[in-house]
Protein backbone atom coordinates (compact mmCIF):
# COMPACT_ATOMS: atom_id res chain seq x y z
CA MET A 1 32.08 19.77 -82.60
CA SER A 2 33.10 16.87 -80.51
CA PRO A 3 35.36 14.15 -81.94
CA PRO A 4 33.63 11.26 -83.49
CA LEU A 5 32.79 8.17 -81.54
CA ILE A 6 34.21 5.93 -84.33
CA ASP A 7 37.07 7.05 -86.60
CA LEU A 8 38.30 4.57 -89.06
CA HIS A 9 41.36 5.35 -91.42
CA ASP A 10 42.65 3.32 -94.29
CA LEU A 11 41.38 0.02 -93.16
CA ARG A 12 42.16 -3.10 -95.21
CA PHE A 13 41.17 -6.65 -94.18
CA ALA A 14 41.33 -10.04 -95.94
CA TRP A 15 40.77 -13.49 -94.53
CA PRO A 16 43.75 -15.92 -95.04
CA GLY A 17 44.23 -16.94 -98.58
CA GLN A 18 41.40 -14.76 -99.84
CA PRO A 19 41.36 -11.56 -101.81
CA ALA A 20 40.66 -8.24 -99.92
CA LEU A 21 37.18 -8.10 -98.37
CA LEU A 22 37.33 -4.63 -97.02
CA ASP A 23 39.27 -1.60 -98.22
CA ILE A 24 37.75 1.51 -96.55
CA PRO A 25 39.61 4.81 -96.69
CA ARG A 26 37.45 6.60 -94.05
CA PHE A 27 34.41 6.01 -91.88
CA GLN A 28 33.15 7.89 -88.97
CA LEU A 29 30.20 7.60 -86.59
CA GLN A 30 29.26 10.68 -84.59
CA ARG A 31 28.25 10.61 -80.89
CA GLY A 32 24.56 10.24 -80.61
CA GLU A 33 24.08 9.46 -84.19
CA THR A 34 21.84 6.75 -85.69
CA LEU A 35 23.32 5.19 -88.80
CA PHE A 36 21.82 2.61 -91.21
CA LEU A 37 24.43 0.63 -93.02
CA LYS A 38 23.15 -1.52 -95.83
CA GLY A 39 24.62 -4.24 -97.88
CA PRO A 40 23.78 -7.65 -99.28
CA SER A 41 24.87 -10.90 -97.81
CA GLY A 42 28.48 -11.56 -98.42
CA SER A 43 29.49 -7.81 -98.51
CA GLY A 44 31.59 -7.86 -95.40
CA LYS A 45 29.15 -6.24 -92.97
CA THR A 46 29.71 -8.62 -90.19
CA THR A 47 33.43 -8.57 -90.67
CA LEU A 48 33.42 -4.79 -90.35
CA LEU A 49 31.47 -4.98 -87.13
CA GLY A 50 33.98 -7.37 -85.75
CA LEU A 51 36.70 -4.88 -86.55
CA LEU A 52 34.76 -2.02 -85.01
CA GLY A 53 34.30 -4.00 -81.89
CA GLY A 54 37.86 -5.13 -81.66
CA VAL A 55 37.20 -8.76 -82.12
CA SER A 56 39.53 -8.84 -85.16
CA ARG A 57 42.40 -6.70 -86.22
CA PRO A 58 42.85 -5.05 -89.62
CA GLN A 59 45.93 -5.88 -91.66
CA HIS A 60 46.33 -2.14 -92.28
CA GLY A 61 44.96 0.99 -90.94
CA ASN A 62 43.35 1.72 -87.65
CA VAL A 63 40.04 1.84 -85.85
CA GLN A 64 39.53 4.33 -83.08
CA LEU A 65 36.59 4.07 -80.61
CA LEU A 66 36.39 6.93 -78.19
CA GLY A 67 39.83 8.02 -79.25
CA GLN A 68 41.37 4.53 -78.48
CA ASP A 69 43.21 2.74 -81.36
CA LEU A 70 41.85 -0.74 -80.87
CA ALA A 71 44.80 -2.37 -82.67
CA ALA A 72 47.19 -0.96 -80.02
CA LEU A 73 45.39 -3.11 -77.29
CA SER A 74 46.11 -6.75 -76.40
CA GLN A 75 43.25 -9.15 -77.11
CA GLY A 76 42.30 -9.20 -73.44
CA ALA A 77 42.31 -5.45 -73.30
CA ARG A 78 40.33 -5.15 -76.47
CA ASP A 79 37.68 -7.65 -74.91
CA ARG A 80 37.49 -5.55 -71.65
CA PHE A 81 37.31 -2.27 -73.76
CA ARG A 82 34.45 -3.85 -75.89
CA VAL A 83 32.31 -4.89 -73.03
CA ASP A 84 32.75 -1.53 -71.22
CA HIS A 85 31.75 0.61 -74.23
CA THR A 86 29.82 -1.45 -76.76
CA GLY A 87 26.44 -3.12 -76.69
CA TYR A 88 25.74 -5.72 -79.36
CA ILE A 89 22.37 -7.03 -80.65
CA PHE A 90 23.05 -10.13 -82.71
CA GLN A 91 21.01 -11.33 -85.61
CA GLN A 92 20.09 -14.56 -83.74
CA PHE A 93 19.99 -12.70 -80.34
CA ASN A 94 22.47 -15.08 -78.71
CA LEU A 95 20.59 -15.19 -75.40
CA LEU A 96 21.79 -17.81 -72.86
CA PRO A 97 18.86 -20.20 -72.89
CA PHE A 98 19.50 -21.52 -69.39
CA LEU A 99 19.43 -18.05 -67.78
CA SER A 100 16.30 -16.12 -66.93
CA VAL A 101 15.28 -12.97 -68.86
CA ARG A 102 16.54 -10.69 -66.06
CA GLU A 103 19.82 -12.64 -65.78
CA ASN A 104 20.45 -12.24 -69.55
CA VAL A 105 19.92 -8.48 -69.35
CA GLU A 106 22.21 -8.24 -66.39
CA LEU A 107 25.06 -10.21 -67.98
CA PRO A 108 27.10 -7.37 -69.33
CA CYS A 109 27.31 -5.86 -65.83
CA ARG A 110 29.00 -9.02 -64.59
CA PHE A 111 31.86 -8.55 -66.91
CA SER A 112 32.10 -4.70 -66.93
CA ARG A 113 32.59 -2.86 -63.62
CA SER A 114 32.03 0.38 -65.39
CA ARG A 115 28.63 -0.60 -66.88
CA ALA A 116 27.51 -2.00 -63.54
CA GLN A 117 28.46 1.29 -61.92
CA ARG A 118 26.64 3.38 -64.49
CA ALA A 119 23.55 1.13 -64.25
CA SER A 120 23.50 1.50 -60.49
CA GLU A 121 24.06 5.35 -60.53
CA ARG A 122 21.21 5.78 -62.95
CA HIS A 123 18.70 3.23 -61.50
CA GLY A 124 19.90 2.41 -58.02
CA SER A 125 21.07 -1.17 -58.75
CA VAL A 126 21.84 -3.32 -61.73
CA ALA A 127 18.60 -5.28 -61.08
CA GLN A 128 16.53 -2.11 -61.09
CA ALA A 129 18.22 -0.96 -64.35
CA ALA A 130 17.36 -4.43 -65.91
CA ALA A 131 13.75 -4.01 -64.71
CA ALA A 132 13.45 -0.46 -66.07
CA LEU A 133 14.72 -1.45 -69.53
CA LEU A 134 12.57 -4.38 -69.83
CA ASP A 135 9.61 -2.33 -68.68
CA HIS A 136 10.36 0.35 -71.33
CA LEU A 137 10.62 -2.41 -73.98
CA GLY A 138 7.25 -3.94 -73.05
CA LEU A 139 8.43 -6.81 -70.90
CA GLY A 140 7.62 -5.36 -67.52
CA ASP A 141 5.67 -8.41 -66.25
CA PRO A 142 7.77 -9.71 -63.19
CA ALA A 143 6.58 -13.30 -64.00
CA LEU A 144 8.07 -13.04 -67.54
CA GLN A 145 11.34 -11.68 -66.27
CA VAL A 146 12.20 -14.86 -64.29
CA ARG A 147 11.29 -17.17 -67.09
CA ARG A 148 14.00 -18.90 -68.97
CA ALA A 149 15.07 -17.10 -72.06
CA ASP A 150 14.34 -20.07 -74.38
CA THR A 151 10.59 -19.98 -73.48
CA LEU A 152 10.09 -16.56 -75.08
CA SER A 153 8.71 -15.70 -78.50
CA ILE A 154 11.06 -14.46 -81.17
CA GLY A 155 9.77 -10.84 -80.64
CA GLN A 156 10.35 -11.11 -76.88
CA GLN A 157 13.85 -12.46 -77.41
CA GLN A 158 14.61 -9.60 -79.62
CA ARG A 159 13.63 -7.01 -76.96
CA VAL A 160 15.54 -8.94 -74.31
CA ALA A 161 18.68 -8.81 -76.45
CA ALA A 162 18.11 -5.04 -76.93
CA ALA A 163 17.85 -4.44 -73.24
CA ARG A 164 21.04 -6.52 -72.68
CA ALA A 165 22.89 -4.39 -75.16
CA LEU A 166 21.67 -1.03 -73.60
CA ILE A 167 22.21 -1.80 -69.96
CA GLY A 168 24.93 0.26 -68.28
CA GLN A 169 24.70 2.96 -71.07
CA PRO A 170 27.42 1.83 -73.55
CA GLU A 171 28.49 4.58 -75.83
CA LEU A 172 28.01 2.45 -78.88
CA VAL A 173 25.10 0.10 -79.81
CA ILE A 174 25.60 -2.24 -82.79
CA ALA A 175 22.68 -4.03 -84.27
CA ASP A 176 23.50 -6.79 -86.76
CA GLU A 177 20.29 -7.61 -88.77
CA PRO A 178 18.26 -7.80 -85.58
CA THR A 179 14.88 -7.49 -87.31
CA SER A 180 15.19 -10.12 -90.06
CA ALA A 181 12.70 -12.46 -88.40
CA LEU A 182 10.00 -9.78 -87.90
CA ASP A 183 7.15 -8.49 -90.05
CA ALA A 184 7.27 -4.77 -91.38
CA ASP A 185 4.97 -3.29 -88.58
CA THR A 186 6.93 -5.05 -85.70
CA ARG A 187 10.23 -4.05 -87.20
CA GLU A 188 9.43 -0.35 -87.26
CA ALA A 189 7.96 -0.50 -83.75
CA PHE A 190 11.09 -2.15 -82.39
CA ILE A 191 13.48 0.37 -84.14
CA ARG A 192 11.46 3.23 -82.65
CA LEU A 193 11.86 1.65 -79.13
CA LEU A 194 15.58 1.20 -79.77
CA PHE A 195 15.96 4.76 -80.85
CA GLY A 196 14.25 5.96 -77.63
CA GLU A 197 16.50 3.86 -75.32
CA CYS A 198 19.72 4.94 -77.21
CA ARG A 199 18.79 8.57 -76.92
CA ALA A 200 18.06 8.10 -73.13
CA ALA A 201 21.50 6.53 -72.73
CA GLY A 202 23.21 9.01 -75.10
CA ALA A 203 24.37 6.12 -77.19
CA SER A 204 25.23 6.08 -80.93
CA LEU A 205 23.53 3.40 -82.98
CA LEU A 206 25.05 1.49 -85.81
CA PHE A 207 22.27 -0.56 -87.43
CA VAL A 208 23.26 -3.07 -90.14
CA SER A 209 20.63 -4.57 -92.51
CA HIS A 210 19.86 -5.32 -96.08
CA ASP A 211 16.37 -4.02 -95.69
CA GLN A 212 16.46 -0.65 -97.43
CA SER A 213 12.82 0.15 -96.28
CA LEU A 214 14.16 0.96 -92.80
CA ALA A 215 16.79 3.45 -93.89
CA ALA A 216 14.52 6.60 -93.75
CA LEU A 217 14.08 6.17 -90.01
CA PHE A 218 17.83 6.91 -89.30
CA ASP A 219 19.85 10.18 -89.14
CA ARG A 220 22.18 8.79 -91.96
CA SER A 221 22.05 5.99 -94.43
CA LEU A 222 25.23 4.44 -96.09
CA SER A 223 25.81 1.62 -98.42
CA LEU A 224 28.87 -0.53 -97.64
CA ALA A 225 29.60 -0.46 -101.23
CA GLU A 226 30.01 3.38 -101.07
CA LEU A 227 32.74 2.92 -98.41
CA ASN A 228 34.39 -0.17 -99.58
CA ARG A 229 36.89 -0.18 -102.56
CA ALA A 230 37.22 -3.92 -102.44
CA SER A 231 34.72 -5.58 -104.76
CA THR A 232 34.86 -9.27 -104.15
CA PRO A 233 32.48 -10.43 -101.33
CA GLN A 234 33.58 -13.36 -99.26
CA GLU A 235 31.76 -13.33 -95.98
CA ALA A 236 28.42 -11.95 -94.71
């Protein structure tokens, strides 16, 4: 069996002046796995995602992504490592409103040479990779792809955010409550599209939500409370 994509040991984290928010003895995510991580607001989900992405450092323990201990890297090196290997779908999508749909999708490839190279090797160019992803996600209309991102519907913005996270085949895709603004039928359809794109890219998917109805769609479901020995929520 190949080593896990994420391997977390004895992680502890607290915000300054606050009690422990996270105390997680062990957590692993396997390569190619889809994992549903549930927990209520305030349980530390977003903080954990920041630690897994190398945005923050734990006070104790280590987080390994692809065998690399993130805490051993400088802030700049962690930022480069994150953009090379992780695609992120934010709850509010965080598209740049003044850029076009296509430009938003291509953005990670401007900051990551390796993702630009992988996109070009698979599709011929970064532009063709963006067009292919948007087409697979139901946004293939060329006229739509040149529109500003802030002219799109919520559902369209969500799919653009997914294409941006997936371009260049990052090994890890993190989705932080990305379906909270959608109705049940649209949520399930979006997740199935996301699964298909992650499988095509060989990516693992860590999907964070409080909506337990989605859990059965995933390879594995975990509650943050099962992992976390700290009991006092301080942050969502």
